Amino acid sequence: MNNLELIHAKIVDRKKLENHLAVWRFKDKKIVFTNGCFDLLHLGHIDYLSKAKDQGDVLIVGVNTDASVQRLKGAGRPVTDEISRSMIMASLQFVSAVVLFDEDTPYNLIQQVQPDVLVKGSDYEPEDIVGYDVMNTKGGEIVTIDFLEGYATTSIIEKIKAV
């Protein structure tokens, strides 16, 4: 398999994700899940995702579809389409799988994945994180990660608009 095929193979639908989850659980891998829009990949994303991966053996990244991003962020977003955002996420060596989701929250995906660790930014209190109840019932762990100061997609877009 060439590199591009390896990247494409990391982008999975929910049915294929089930197969991966079965294998990873059989191998007793610690499964970590996080999600986001990941529009205009920047250093803050790399920092966050690499720290998320440090929490376990497998990192699954839920990526909002274009329609979901537009509902959440408004007109003009996303800047980068879902295919590009998925490919960029999958090209990161510490990302094990990328799954698109169309809902406004990843709740259904979290229920499906049943991760051992759920990671979100530290701007959330653990009990306010979508999937908190799933993790609480499962006995999983919620980890919050501080964002890298000065890096945000909205800030980058605002700088571009100001030019």
N, C-alpha and C. Protein backbone atom coordinates (compact mmCIF):
# COMPACT_ATOMS: atom_id res chain seq x y z
N MET A 1 0.84 -1.18 0.00
CA MET A 1 0.00 0.00 0.00
C MET A 1 0.88 1.25 0.00
N ASN A 2 0.57 2.21 -0.86
CA ASN A 2 1.35 3.44 -0.86
C ASN A 2 0.83 4.39 0.24
N ASN A 3 1.53 5.49 0.45
CA ASN A 3 1.18 6.40 1.54
C ASN A 3 -0.22 6.96 1.43
N LEU A 4 -0.64 7.35 0.24
CA LEU A 4 -1.97 7.91 0.06
C LEU A 4 -3.06 6.88 0.39
N GLU A 5 -2.82 5.64 0.00
CA GLU A 5 -3.76 4.57 0.33
C GLU A 5 -3.83 4.32 1.85
N LEU A 6 -2.69 4.43 2.51
CA LEU A 6 -2.66 4.28 3.97
C LEU A 6 -3.47 5.38 4.65
N ILE A 7 -3.35 6.60 4.13
CA ILE A 7 -4.12 7.72 4.68
C ILE A 7 -5.61 7.48 4.47
N HIS A 8 -5.99 7.13 3.24
CA HIS A 8 -7.40 6.87 2.93
C HIS A 8 -7.96 5.75 3.82
N ALA A 9 -7.15 4.76 4.12
CA ALA A 9 -7.60 3.62 4.92
C ALA A 9 -7.95 4.01 6.35
N LYS A 10 -7.40 5.12 6.83
CA LYS A 10 -7.70 5.57 8.19
C LYS A 10 -9.06 6.28 8.28
N ILE A 11 -9.60 6.70 7.15
CA ILE A 11 -10.90 7.36 7.14
C ILE A 11 -11.97 6.28 6.98
N VAL A 12 -12.76 6.12 8.02
CA VAL A 12 -13.69 5.00 8.05
C VAL A 12 -15.12 5.47 8.30
N ASP A 13 -16.07 4.68 7.79
CA ASP A 13 -17.46 4.92 8.14
C ASP A 13 -17.74 4.17 9.45
N ARG A 14 -18.94 4.31 9.94
CA ARG A 14 -19.25 3.74 11.25
C ARG A 14 -19.26 2.21 11.25
N LYS A 15 -19.60 1.60 10.12
CA LYS A 15 -19.58 0.14 10.04
C LYS A 15 -18.14 -0.38 10.10
N LYS A 16 -17.26 0.24 9.31
CA LYS A 16 -15.85 -0.17 9.32
C LYS A 16 -15.21 0.14 10.68
N LEU A 17 -15.66 1.21 11.31
CA LEU A 17 -15.16 1.54 12.64
C LEU A 17 -15.42 0.39 13.61
N GLU A 18 -16.60 -0.22 13.50
CA GLU A 18 -16.93 -1.37 14.36
C GLU A 18 -15.89 -2.48 14.23
N ASN A 19 -15.45 -2.75 13.00
CA ASN A 19 -14.43 -3.78 12.77
C ASN A 19 -13.12 -3.40 13.45
N HIS A 20 -12.70 -2.14 13.29
CA HIS A 20 -11.47 -1.67 13.93
C HIS A 20 -11.57 -1.77 15.45
N LEU A 21 -12.72 -1.33 15.98
CA LEU A 21 -12.91 -1.37 17.43
C LEU A 21 -12.80 -2.80 17.96
N ALA A 22 -13.37 -3.75 17.25
CA ALA A 22 -13.31 -5.16 17.67
C ALA A 22 -11.87 -5.64 17.74
N VAL A 23 -11.08 -5.31 16.73
CA VAL A 23 -9.67 -5.71 16.69
C VAL A 23 -8.90 -5.05 17.82
N TRP A 24 -9.08 -3.73 17.98
CA TRP A 24 -8.35 -3.01 19.03
C TRP A 24 -8.73 -3.52 20.41
N ARG A 25 -9.99 -3.82 20.63
CA ARG A 25 -10.40 -4.34 21.94
C ARG A 25 -9.84 -5.74 22.17
N PHE A 26 -9.83 -6.56 21.11
CA PHE A 26 -9.25 -7.89 21.21
C PHE A 26 -7.78 -7.81 21.61
N LYS A 27 -7.09 -6.80 21.08
CA LYS A 27 -5.67 -6.60 21.38
C LYS A 27 -5.46 -5.82 22.68
N ASP A 28 -6.56 -5.54 23.39
CA ASP A 28 -6.52 -4.83 24.67
C ASP A 28 -5.88 -3.43 24.55
N LYS A 29 -6.21 -2.75 23.48
CA LYS A 29 -5.70 -1.39 23.25
C LYS A 29 -6.56 -0.39 24.02
N LYS A 30 -5.92 0.62 24.57
CA LYS A 30 -6.64 1.70 25.25
C LYS A 30 -7.09 2.70 24.19
N ILE A 31 -8.42 2.86 24.05
CA ILE A 31 -9.01 3.65 22.97
C ILE A 31 -9.34 5.05 23.47
N VAL A 32 -8.83 6.03 22.75
CA VAL A 32 -9.03 7.44 23.06
C VAL A 32 -9.89 8.05 21.94
N PHE A 33 -10.83 8.90 22.32
CA PHE A 33 -11.68 9.58 21.34
C PHE A 33 -11.67 11.07 21.60
N THR A 34 -11.61 11.84 20.53
CA THR A 34 -11.84 13.27 20.58
C THR A 34 -12.54 13.68 19.29
N ASN A 35 -12.98 14.90 19.25
CA ASN A 35 -13.69 15.36 18.06
C ASN A 35 -13.49 16.86 17.86
N GLY A 36 -13.84 17.30 16.67
CA GLY A 36 -13.79 18.73 16.38
C GLY A 36 -14.02 18.99 14.90
N CYS A 37 -14.04 20.27 14.58
CA CYS A 37 -14.18 20.70 13.18
C CYS A 37 -12.84 20.59 12.46
N PHE A 38 -11.78 20.98 13.14
CA PHE A 38 -10.41 20.95 12.61
C PHE A 38 -10.32 21.65 11.26
N ASP A 39 -10.90 22.82 11.21
CA ASP A 39 -10.87 23.67 10.03
C ASP A 39 -9.56 24.46 10.06
N LEU A 40 -8.83 24.48 8.99
CA LEU A 40 -7.51 25.13 8.92
C LEU A 40 -6.58 24.60 10.01
N LEU A 41 -6.04 23.45 9.78
CA LEU A 41 -5.15 22.80 10.74
C LEU A 41 -4.02 23.75 11.13
N HIS A 42 -3.78 23.86 12.42
CA HIS A 42 -2.73 24.75 12.92
C HIS A 42 -2.00 24.09 14.10
N LEU A 43 -0.99 24.77 14.59
CA LEU A 43 -0.15 24.22 15.66
C LEU A 43 -0.96 23.85 16.90
N GLY A 44 -2.01 24.61 17.20
CA GLY A 44 -2.86 24.28 18.34
C GLY A 44 -3.52 22.92 18.19
N HIS A 45 -3.95 22.60 16.97
CA HIS A 45 -4.55 21.29 16.71
C HIS A 45 -3.52 20.17 16.91
N ILE A 46 -2.32 20.38 16.37
CA ILE A 46 -1.26 19.36 16.48
C ILE A 46 -0.93 19.10 17.95
N ASP A 47 -0.79 20.17 18.72
CA ASP A 47 -0.49 20.06 20.14
C ASP A 47 -1.59 19.28 20.86
N TYR A 48 -2.83 19.67 20.61
CA TYR A 48 -3.99 19.04 21.26
C TYR A 48 -4.10 17.55 20.89
N LEU A 49 -4.03 17.26 19.60
CA LEU A 49 -4.20 15.87 19.15
C LEU A 49 -3.06 14.97 19.61
N SER A 50 -1.84 15.49 19.60
CA SER A 50 -0.71 14.66 20.05
C SER A 50 -0.84 14.36 21.54
N LYS A 51 -1.30 15.34 22.32
CA LYS A 51 -1.52 15.11 23.75
C LYS A 51 -2.70 14.15 23.98
N ALA A 52 -3.70 14.22 23.12
CA ALA A 52 -4.82 13.28 23.22
C ALA A 52 -4.31 11.86 23.00
N LYS A 53 -3.49 11.67 21.99
CA LYS A 53 -2.94 10.33 21.69
C LYS A 53 -2.09 9.80 22.84
N ASP A 54 -1.43 10.70 23.55
CA ASP A 54 -0.61 10.29 24.70
C ASP A 54 -1.44 9.61 25.80
N GLN A 55 -2.76 9.74 25.73
CA GLN A 55 -3.64 9.16 26.75
C GLN A 55 -3.93 7.68 26.53
N GLY A 56 -3.51 7.14 25.38
CA GLY A 56 -3.80 5.73 25.12
C GLY A 56 -3.06 5.18 23.92
N ASP A 57 -3.54 4.06 23.42
CA ASP A 57 -2.88 3.37 22.31
C ASP A 57 -3.44 3.74 20.95
N VAL A 58 -4.73 4.06 20.90
CA VAL A 58 -5.45 4.31 19.66
C VAL A 58 -6.17 5.64 19.79
N LEU A 59 -6.03 6.50 18.80
CA LEU A 59 -6.75 7.78 18.80
C LEU A 59 -7.74 7.82 17.65
N ILE A 60 -9.02 7.89 18.00
CA ILE A 60 -10.09 8.04 17.02
C ILE A 60 -10.52 9.50 17.05
N VAL A 61 -10.57 10.13 15.87
CA VAL A 61 -10.96 11.53 15.78
C VAL A 61 -12.28 11.63 15.03
N GLY A 62 -13.29 12.16 15.69
CA GLY A 62 -14.56 12.46 15.04
C GLY A 62 -14.45 13.84 14.42
N VAL A 63 -14.78 13.95 13.15
CA VAL A 63 -14.69 15.22 12.42
C VAL A 63 -16.09 15.62 11.96
N ASN A 64 -16.50 16.83 12.31
CA ASN A 64 -17.80 17.34 11.88
C ASN A 64 -17.86 17.44 10.36
N THR A 65 -18.99 17.03 9.79
CA THR A 65 -19.20 17.22 8.35
C THR A 65 -19.32 18.71 8.05
N ASP A 66 -19.28 19.05 6.76
CA ASP A 66 -19.43 20.45 6.36
C ASP A 66 -20.75 21.03 6.86
N ALA A 67 -21.83 20.27 6.71
CA ALA A 67 -23.15 20.75 7.15
C ALA A 67 -23.17 21.01 8.65
N SER A 68 -22.55 20.12 9.41
CA SER A 68 -22.49 20.27 10.86
C SER A 68 -21.68 21.50 11.25
N VAL A 69 -20.54 21.71 10.60
CA VAL A 69 -19.70 22.88 10.88
C VAL A 69 -20.48 24.16 10.58
N GLN A 70 -21.16 24.18 9.45
CA GLN A 70 -21.92 25.38 9.07
C GLN A 70 -23.00 25.69 10.11
N ARG A 71 -23.68 24.67 10.59
CA ARG A 71 -24.70 24.90 11.63
C ARG A 71 -24.08 25.45 12.91
N LEU A 72 -22.89 24.95 13.26
CA LEU A 72 -22.23 25.35 14.50
C LEU A 72 -21.50 26.69 14.40
N LYS A 73 -20.84 26.93 13.27
CA LYS A 73 -19.96 28.08 13.13
C LYS A 73 -20.53 29.20 12.28
N GLY A 74 -21.57 28.90 11.47
CA GLY A 74 -22.20 29.93 10.66
C GLY A 74 -21.74 29.93 9.21
N ALA A 75 -22.30 30.86 8.46
CA ALA A 75 -22.00 30.98 7.03
C ALA A 75 -20.51 31.22 6.82
N GLY A 76 -20.01 30.68 5.74
CA GLY A 76 -18.59 30.84 5.42
C GLY A 76 -17.69 29.80 6.06
N ARG A 77 -18.24 28.95 6.87
CA ARG A 77 -17.47 27.88 7.48
C ARG A 77 -18.07 26.54 7.07
N PRO A 78 -17.32 25.53 6.92
CA PRO A 78 -15.87 25.51 7.11
C PRO A 78 -15.15 26.15 5.92
N VAL A 79 -13.93 26.54 6.17
CA VAL A 79 -13.08 27.05 5.10
C VAL A 79 -12.60 25.88 4.25
N THR A 80 -12.29 24.79 4.91
CA THR A 80 -11.77 23.58 4.25
C THR A 80 -12.85 22.50 4.28
N ASP A 81 -13.10 21.86 3.15
CA ASP A 81 -14.18 20.87 3.07
C ASP A 81 -13.86 19.62 3.88
N GLU A 82 -14.90 18.83 4.15
CA GLU A 82 -14.78 17.66 5.01
C GLU A 82 -13.84 16.60 4.47
N ILE A 83 -13.75 16.46 3.16
CA ILE A 83 -12.83 15.48 2.59
C ILE A 83 -11.39 15.90 2.88
N SER A 84 -11.10 17.16 2.66
CA SER A 84 -9.75 17.68 2.93
C SER A 84 -9.42 17.59 4.41
N ARG A 85 -10.36 18.00 5.26
CA ARG A 85 -10.11 17.95 6.71
C ARG A 85 -9.88 16.52 7.18
N SER A 86 -10.64 15.59 6.65
CA SER A 86 -10.46 14.17 7.01
C SER A 86 -9.10 13.65 6.56
N MET A 87 -8.73 13.98 5.34
CA MET A 87 -7.43 13.55 4.81
C MET A 87 -6.27 14.13 5.64
N ILE A 88 -6.39 15.39 5.99
CA ILE A 88 -5.33 16.02 6.80
C ILE A 88 -5.24 15.34 8.15
N MET A 89 -6.38 15.09 8.80
CA MET A 89 -6.37 14.41 10.10
C MET A 89 -5.76 13.01 9.97
N ALA A 90 -6.17 12.28 8.94
CA ALA A 90 -5.69 10.90 8.75
C ALA A 90 -4.20 10.86 8.42
N SER A 91 -3.66 11.94 7.90
CA SER A 91 -2.23 11.95 7.55
C SER A 91 -1.34 12.12 8.78
N LEU A 92 -1.93 12.49 9.90
CA LEU A 92 -1.14 12.64 11.13
C LEU A 92 -0.80 11.27 11.68
N GLN A 93 0.47 11.04 11.95
CA GLN A 93 0.92 9.72 12.35
C GLN A 93 0.32 9.24 13.67
N PHE A 94 -0.11 10.14 14.54
CA PHE A 94 -0.66 9.72 15.82
C PHE A 94 -2.17 9.52 15.79
N VAL A 95 -2.82 9.73 14.65
CA VAL A 95 -4.26 9.49 14.50
C VAL A 95 -4.46 8.09 13.92
N SER A 96 -5.26 7.29 14.60
CA SER A 96 -5.50 5.91 14.17
C SER A 96 -6.68 5.79 13.21
N ALA A 97 -7.72 6.60 13.44
CA ALA A 97 -8.91 6.54 12.59
C ALA A 97 -9.62 7.88 12.63
N VAL A 98 -10.26 8.21 11.51
CA VAL A 98 -11.05 9.43 11.38
C VAL A 98 -12.46 9.03 10.95
N VAL A 99 -13.46 9.58 11.63
CA VAL A 99 -14.86 9.28 11.32
C VAL A 99 -15.61 10.60 11.22
N LEU A 100 -16.30 10.79 10.11
CA LEU A 100 -17.15 11.97 9.95
C LEU A 100 -18.47 11.76 10.70
N PHE A 101 -18.97 12.84 11.30
CA PHE A 101 -20.31 12.78 11.89
C PHE A 101 -21.06 14.05 11.53
N ASP A 102 -22.36 13.88 11.26
CA ASP A 102 -23.18 14.96 10.74
C ASP A 102 -24.02 15.66 11.82
N GLU A 103 -24.11 15.06 12.98
CA GLU A 103 -24.88 15.65 14.06
C GLU A 103 -24.15 16.88 14.62
N ASP A 104 -24.85 17.68 15.40
CA ASP A 104 -24.22 18.85 16.01
C ASP A 104 -23.25 18.45 17.12
N THR A 105 -23.47 17.29 17.72
CA THR A 105 -22.55 16.79 18.75
C THR A 105 -22.15 15.35 18.38
N PRO A 106 -21.05 14.88 18.94
CA PRO A 106 -20.60 13.51 18.65
C PRO A 106 -21.21 12.46 19.58
N TYR A 107 -22.32 12.79 20.23
CA TYR A 107 -22.89 11.89 21.24
C TYR A 107 -23.10 10.47 20.72
N ASN A 108 -23.76 10.34 19.57
CA ASN A 108 -24.03 9.00 19.03
C ASN A 108 -22.74 8.26 18.71
N LEU A 109 -21.75 8.97 18.22
CA LEU A 109 -20.46 8.36 17.90
C LEU A 109 -19.74 7.92 19.18
N ILE A 110 -19.81 8.73 20.21
CA ILE A 110 -19.21 8.35 21.50
C ILE A 110 -19.89 7.10 22.05
N GLN A 111 -21.22 7.05 21.93
CA GLN A 111 -21.94 5.85 22.37
C GLN A 111 -21.47 4.62 21.60
N GLN A 112 -21.23 4.79 20.30
CA GLN A 112 -20.77 3.66 19.49
C GLN A 112 -19.35 3.26 19.87
N VAL A 113 -18.46 4.22 19.99
CA VAL A 113 -17.04 3.93 20.26
C VAL A 113 -16.84 3.38 21.67
N GLN A 114 -17.55 3.92 22.65
CA GLN A 114 -17.33 3.54 24.05
C GLN A 114 -15.84 3.63 24.39
N PRO A 115 -15.26 4.82 24.22
CA PRO A 115 -13.81 4.94 24.44
C PRO A 115 -13.42 4.71 25.90
N ASP A 116 -12.18 4.38 26.08
CA ASP A 116 -11.64 4.27 27.44
C ASP A 116 -11.34 5.67 27.98
N VAL A 117 -10.98 6.58 27.05
CA VAL A 117 -10.67 7.95 27.41
C VAL A 117 -11.36 8.89 26.42
N LEU A 118 -12.07 9.87 26.95
CA LEU A 118 -12.70 10.90 26.14
C LEU A 118 -11.94 12.20 26.40
N VAL A 119 -11.45 12.84 25.34
CA VAL A 119 -10.62 14.04 25.47
C VAL A 119 -11.33 15.23 24.87
N LYS A 120 -11.31 16.34 25.62
CA LYS A 120 -11.82 17.62 25.13
C LYS A 120 -10.92 18.72 25.66
N GLY A 121 -11.13 19.93 25.15
CA GLY A 121 -10.35 21.07 25.60
C GLY A 121 -10.72 21.45 27.02
N SER A 122 -9.78 22.08 27.71
CA SER A 122 -10.00 22.43 29.11
C SER A 122 -10.95 23.62 29.28
N ASP A 123 -11.48 24.13 28.17
CA ASP A 123 -12.51 25.17 28.29
C ASP A 123 -13.84 24.57 28.71
N TYR A 124 -13.90 23.24 28.82
CA TYR A 124 -15.10 22.53 29.29
C TYR A 124 -14.86 21.99 30.69
N GLU A 125 -15.90 22.00 31.50
CA GLU A 125 -15.89 21.25 32.75
C GLU A 125 -16.26 19.82 32.37
N PRO A 126 -15.63 18.82 32.99
CA PRO A 126 -15.91 17.43 32.60
C PRO A 126 -17.40 17.09 32.54
N GLU A 127 -18.18 17.55 33.52
CA GLU A 127 -19.61 17.20 33.54
C GLU A 127 -20.41 17.89 32.44
N ASP A 128 -19.81 18.89 31.77
CA ASP A 128 -20.48 19.57 30.65
C ASP A 128 -20.07 19.01 29.29
N ILE A 129 -19.17 18.05 29.28
CA ILE A 129 -18.69 17.47 28.03
C ILE A 129 -19.71 16.48 27.49
N VAL A 130 -20.01 16.61 26.20
CA VAL A 130 -20.91 15.66 25.55
C VAL A 130 -20.30 14.26 25.67
N GLY A 131 -21.08 13.35 26.18
CA GLY A 131 -20.60 11.98 26.40
C GLY A 131 -20.20 11.70 27.84
N TYR A 132 -20.30 12.72 28.69
CA TYR A 132 -19.95 12.55 30.10
C TYR A 132 -20.72 11.38 30.71
N ASP A 133 -22.04 11.30 30.42
CA ASP A 133 -22.85 10.23 30.97
C ASP A 133 -22.42 8.85 30.47
N VAL A 134 -22.01 8.79 29.20
CA VAL A 134 -21.53 7.53 28.63
C VAL A 134 -20.27 7.08 29.37
N MET A 135 -19.36 8.01 29.56
CA MET A 135 -18.10 7.69 30.23
C MET A 135 -18.32 7.34 31.70
N ASN A 136 -19.24 8.03 32.33
CA ASN A 136 -19.55 7.79 33.73
C ASN A 136 -20.13 6.39 33.91
N THR A 137 -21.06 6.01 33.02
CA THR A 137 -21.67 4.68 33.08
C THR A 137 -20.64 3.59 32.81
N LYS A 138 -19.76 3.84 31.84
CA LYS A 138 -18.75 2.85 31.42
C LYS A 138 -17.60 2.76 32.42
N GLY A 139 -17.40 3.83 33.20
CA GLY A 139 -16.23 3.88 34.07
C GLY A 139 -15.00 4.34 33.33
N GLY A 140 -15.22 5.05 32.23
CA GLY A 140 -14.11 5.59 31.45
C GLY A 140 -13.59 6.87 32.05
N GLU A 141 -12.57 7.39 31.43
CA GLU A 141 -11.88 8.58 31.93
C GLU A 141 -12.13 9.76 31.00
N ILE A 142 -12.34 10.93 31.57
CA ILE A 142 -12.43 12.16 30.79
C ILE A 142 -11.19 12.97 31.10
N VAL A 143 -10.50 13.38 30.03
CA VAL A 143 -9.29 14.19 30.16
C VAL A 143 -9.50 15.49 29.42
N THR A 144 -9.19 16.60 30.10
CA THR A 144 -9.25 17.89 29.43
C THR A 144 -7.82 18.39 29.20
N ILE A 145 -7.61 18.97 28.03
CA ILE A 145 -6.28 19.43 27.62
C ILE A 145 -6.32 20.93 27.38
N ASP A 146 -5.37 21.63 27.95
CA ASP A 146 -5.26 23.07 27.72
C ASP A 146 -4.93 23.33 26.26
N PHE A 147 -5.57 24.36 25.70
CA PHE A 147 -5.27 24.75 24.33
C PHE A 147 -3.96 25.53 24.31
N LEU A 148 -3.25 25.42 23.22
CA LEU A 148 -2.02 26.17 23.03
C LEU A 148 -2.40 27.62 22.81
N GLU A 149 -1.91 28.47 23.66
CA GLU A 149 -2.26 29.89 23.63
C GLU A 149 -1.91 30.53 22.29
N GLY A 150 -2.86 31.30 21.76
CA GLY A 150 -2.61 32.07 20.55
C GLY A 150 -2.93 31.36 19.24
N TYR A 151 -3.48 30.16 19.33
CA TYR A 151 -3.81 29.41 18.11
C TYR A 151 -5.28 29.03 18.10
N ALA A 152 -6.02 29.56 17.14
CA ALA A 152 -7.43 29.23 16.95
C ALA A 152 -7.80 29.54 15.51
N THR A 153 -8.60 28.68 14.92
CA THR A 153 -9.01 28.87 13.53
C THR A 153 -9.72 30.20 13.34
N THR A 154 -10.61 30.56 14.27
CA THR A 154 -11.34 31.82 14.15
C THR A 154 -10.37 33.00 14.13
N SER A 155 -9.33 32.96 14.95
CA SER A 155 -8.33 34.04 14.96
C SER A 155 -7.59 34.12 13.64
N ILE A 156 -7.28 32.98 13.06
CA ILE A 156 -6.57 32.95 11.78
C ILE A 156 -7.46 33.56 10.69
N ILE A 157 -8.74 33.20 10.70
CA ILE A 157 -9.67 33.75 9.72
C ILE A 157 -9.81 35.26 9.89
N GLU A 158 -9.88 35.72 11.12
CA GLU A 158 -9.99 37.16 11.38
C GLU A 158 -8.75 37.91 10.89
N LYS A 159 -7.57 37.34 11.07
CA LYS A 159 -6.33 37.96 10.57
C LYS A 159 -6.35 38.07 9.06
N ILE A 160 -6.83 37.02 8.39
CA ILE A 160 -6.89 37.02 6.92
C ILE A 160 -7.86 38.08 6.45
N LYS A 161 -9.01 38.19 7.09
CA LYS A 161 -10.01 39.18 6.72
C LYS A 161 -9.50 40.61 6.90
N ALA A 162 -8.62 40.81 7.90
CA ALA A 162 -8.11 42.14 8.21
C ALA A 162 -7.09 42.62 7.17
N VAL A 163 -6.54 41.70 6.42
CA VAL A 163 -5.50 42.06 5.44
C VAL A 163 -6.10 42.68 4.21
